[in-house]
């Protein structure tokens, strides 16, 4: 009986060592994989000042937005979209925004690769800040 307990005890100790080794190997693997994961940030070579509106669907009580086709934008607004550095951005959609004080501007959503933004342009083609 004592002999069988020694064998069981020996096997149990070996089992515990195996579990500990597995945990160590698993932890080392996890740390190695975490170390390999990197984030590559791209450098901005030609910064452009674009007014970005966080939530373009937000509508205030005193402001109205009317969708406008890009091709139907006034000539001065279209010329502004073709000037440097704005022409690097592609217009995706546009709205005529009328404020409570009856001032108006065109909100043109633009895209450049993965980046998106919005431009506020008045009827004379001047970018509004």
Protein backbone atom coordinates (compact mmCIF):
# COMPACT_ATOMS: atom_id res chain seq x y z
CA UNK A 1 0.00 0.00 0.00
CA UNK A 2 2.82 2.37 0.90
CA UNK A 3 4.53 1.56 -2.40
CA UNK A 4 1.40 2.42 -4.42
CA UNK A 5 1.05 5.73 -2.54
CA UNK A 6 4.64 6.61 -3.45
CA UNK A 7 3.92 5.91 -7.12
CA UNK A 8 0.72 7.99 -6.99
CA UNK A 9 2.55 10.81 -5.19
CA UNK A 10 5.39 10.69 -7.74
CA UNK A 11 2.94 10.75 -10.65
CA UNK A 12 1.02 13.62 -9.06
CA UNK A 13 4.20 15.68 -8.64
CA UNK A 14 5.11 15.03 -12.26
CA UNK A 15 1.60 16.06 -13.34
CA UNK A 16 1.91 19.36 -11.41
CA UNK A 17 5.32 20.05 -13.03
CA UNK A 18 3.81 19.44 -16.47
CA UNK A 19 0.97 21.86 -15.80
CA UNK A 20 3.41 24.52 -14.56
CA UNK A 21 5.58 24.10 -17.66
CA UNK A 22 2.55 24.42 -19.91
CA UNK A 23 1.58 27.66 -18.16
CA UNK A 24 5.12 29.02 -18.53
CA UNK A 25 5.27 28.11 -22.23
CA UNK A 26 1.82 29.57 -22.85
CA UNK A 27 2.76 32.81 -21.05
CA UNK A 28 6.03 33.10 -22.99
CA UNK A 29 4.18 32.53 -26.27
CA UNK A 30 1.62 35.20 -25.40
CA UNK A 31 4.33 37.73 -24.50
CA UNK A 32 6.23 36.96 -27.71
CA UNK A 33 3.12 37.44 -29.86
CA UNK A 34 2.20 40.65 -28.05
CA UNK A 35 5.72 41.95 -28.70
CA UNK A 36 5.40 41.24 -32.42
CA UNK A 37 2.18 43.19 -32.76
CA UNK A 38 2.98 46.75 -33.84
CA UNK A 39 1.01 49.74 -34.99
CA UNK A 40 2.27 51.65 -37.95
CA UNK A 41 1.29 55.31 -37.97
CA UNK A 42 1.55 57.19 -41.23
CA UNK A 43 3.25 60.56 -41.34
CA UNK A 44 1.32 63.55 -42.67
CA UNK A 45 3.48 65.05 -45.40
CA UNK A 46 1.27 67.89 -46.60
CA UNK A 47 -1.01 69.04 -43.78
CA UNK A 48 -4.27 70.57 -44.91
CA UNK A 49 -6.66 72.59 -42.81
CA UNK A 50 -10.10 71.02 -43.13
CA UNK A 51 -12.98 71.83 -40.83
CA UNK A 52 -14.25 68.46 -39.63
CA UNK A 53 -17.73 68.15 -38.26
CA UNK A 54 -17.92 65.21 -35.84
CA UNK A 55 -21.53 64.25 -36.46
CA UNK A 56 -22.78 65.47 -39.82
CA UNK A 57 -26.28 64.12 -39.17
CA UNK A 58 -26.85 66.31 -36.11
CA UNK A 59 -29.56 68.83 -36.76
CA UNK A 60 -30.14 71.80 -34.52
CA UNK A 61 -33.63 73.27 -34.13
CA UNK A 62 -32.68 76.49 -35.91
CA UNK A 63 -30.58 74.97 -38.71
CA UNK A 64 -31.85 73.26 -41.86
CA UNK A 65 -29.83 71.12 -44.25
CA UNK A 66 -30.93 70.60 -47.82
CA UNK A 67 -29.10 67.96 -49.89
CA UNK A 68 -27.47 69.30 -53.06
CA UNK A 69 -25.93 67.30 -55.90
CA UNK A 70 -22.20 67.97 -56.33
CA UNK A 71 -22.76 68.92 -59.97
CA UNK A 72 -25.44 71.45 -58.92
CA UNK A 73 -23.17 73.42 -56.57
CA UNK A 74 -22.67 77.08 -57.56
CA UNK A 75 -19.73 77.85 -59.86
CA UNK A 76 -17.64 79.62 -57.13
CA UNK A 77 -18.04 76.61 -54.80
CA UNK A 78 -17.01 74.19 -57.56
CA UNK A 79 -13.95 76.36 -58.35
CA UNK A 80 -12.95 76.28 -54.67
CA UNK A 81 -13.15 72.49 -54.72
CA UNK A 82 -10.67 72.50 -57.65
CA UNK A 83 -8.05 74.68 -55.92
CA UNK A 84 -4.98 73.58 -53.94
CA UNK A 85 -4.97 71.91 -51.43
CA UNK A 86 -8.69 71.11 -51.54
CA UNK A 87 -8.57 69.34 -54.91
CA UNK A 88 -6.67 66.43 -53.33
CA UNK A 89 -9.95 65.56 -51.56
CA UNK A 90 -12.91 63.99 -53.37
CA UNK A 91 -16.37 65.44 -52.61
CA UNK A 92 -18.84 62.73 -51.59
CA UNK A 93 -22.01 64.72 -50.85
CA UNK A 94 -23.12 68.29 -50.20
CA UNK A 95 -25.78 70.19 -48.27
CA UNK A 96 -27.05 73.75 -48.28
CA UNK A 97 -27.13 74.74 -44.61
CA UNK A 98 -29.36 77.62 -43.53
CA UNK A 99 -28.89 78.97 -40.01
CA UNK A 100 -31.54 80.67 -37.85
CA UNK A 101 -30.12 84.08 -38.79
CA UNK A 102 -30.69 83.17 -42.48
CA UNK A 103 -26.97 82.89 -43.24
CA UNK A 104 -26.18 80.07 -45.64
CA UNK A 105 -23.17 77.97 -46.54
CA UNK A 106 -22.51 74.72 -48.36
CA UNK A 107 -21.35 71.77 -46.27
CA UNK A 108 -19.33 69.50 -48.56
CA UNK A 109 -18.25 66.13 -47.18
CA UNK A 110 -14.91 65.05 -48.64
CA UNK A 111 -12.77 61.92 -48.64
CA UNK A 112 -9.07 61.26 -49.24
CA UNK A 113 -8.11 57.57 -49.10
CA UNK A 114 -9.26 56.49 -45.60
CA UNK A 115 -9.64 60.04 -44.22
CA UNK A 116 -12.93 61.92 -44.27
CA UNK A 117 -13.78 65.52 -43.49
CA UNK A 118 -16.16 68.37 -44.19
CA UNK A 119 -15.72 71.78 -45.78
CA UNK A 120 -17.93 74.78 -45.12
CA UNK A 121 -17.97 77.00 -48.21
CA UNK A 122 -20.08 80.14 -48.65
CA UNK A 123 -21.90 80.97 -51.89
CA UNK A 124 -18.93 83.06 -53.06
CA UNK A 125 -16.56 80.10 -52.79
CA UNK A 126 -14.79 81.20 -49.59
CA UNK A 127 -14.03 78.52 -47.01
CA UNK A 128 -15.84 79.32 -43.75
CA UNK A 129 -14.06 78.45 -40.50
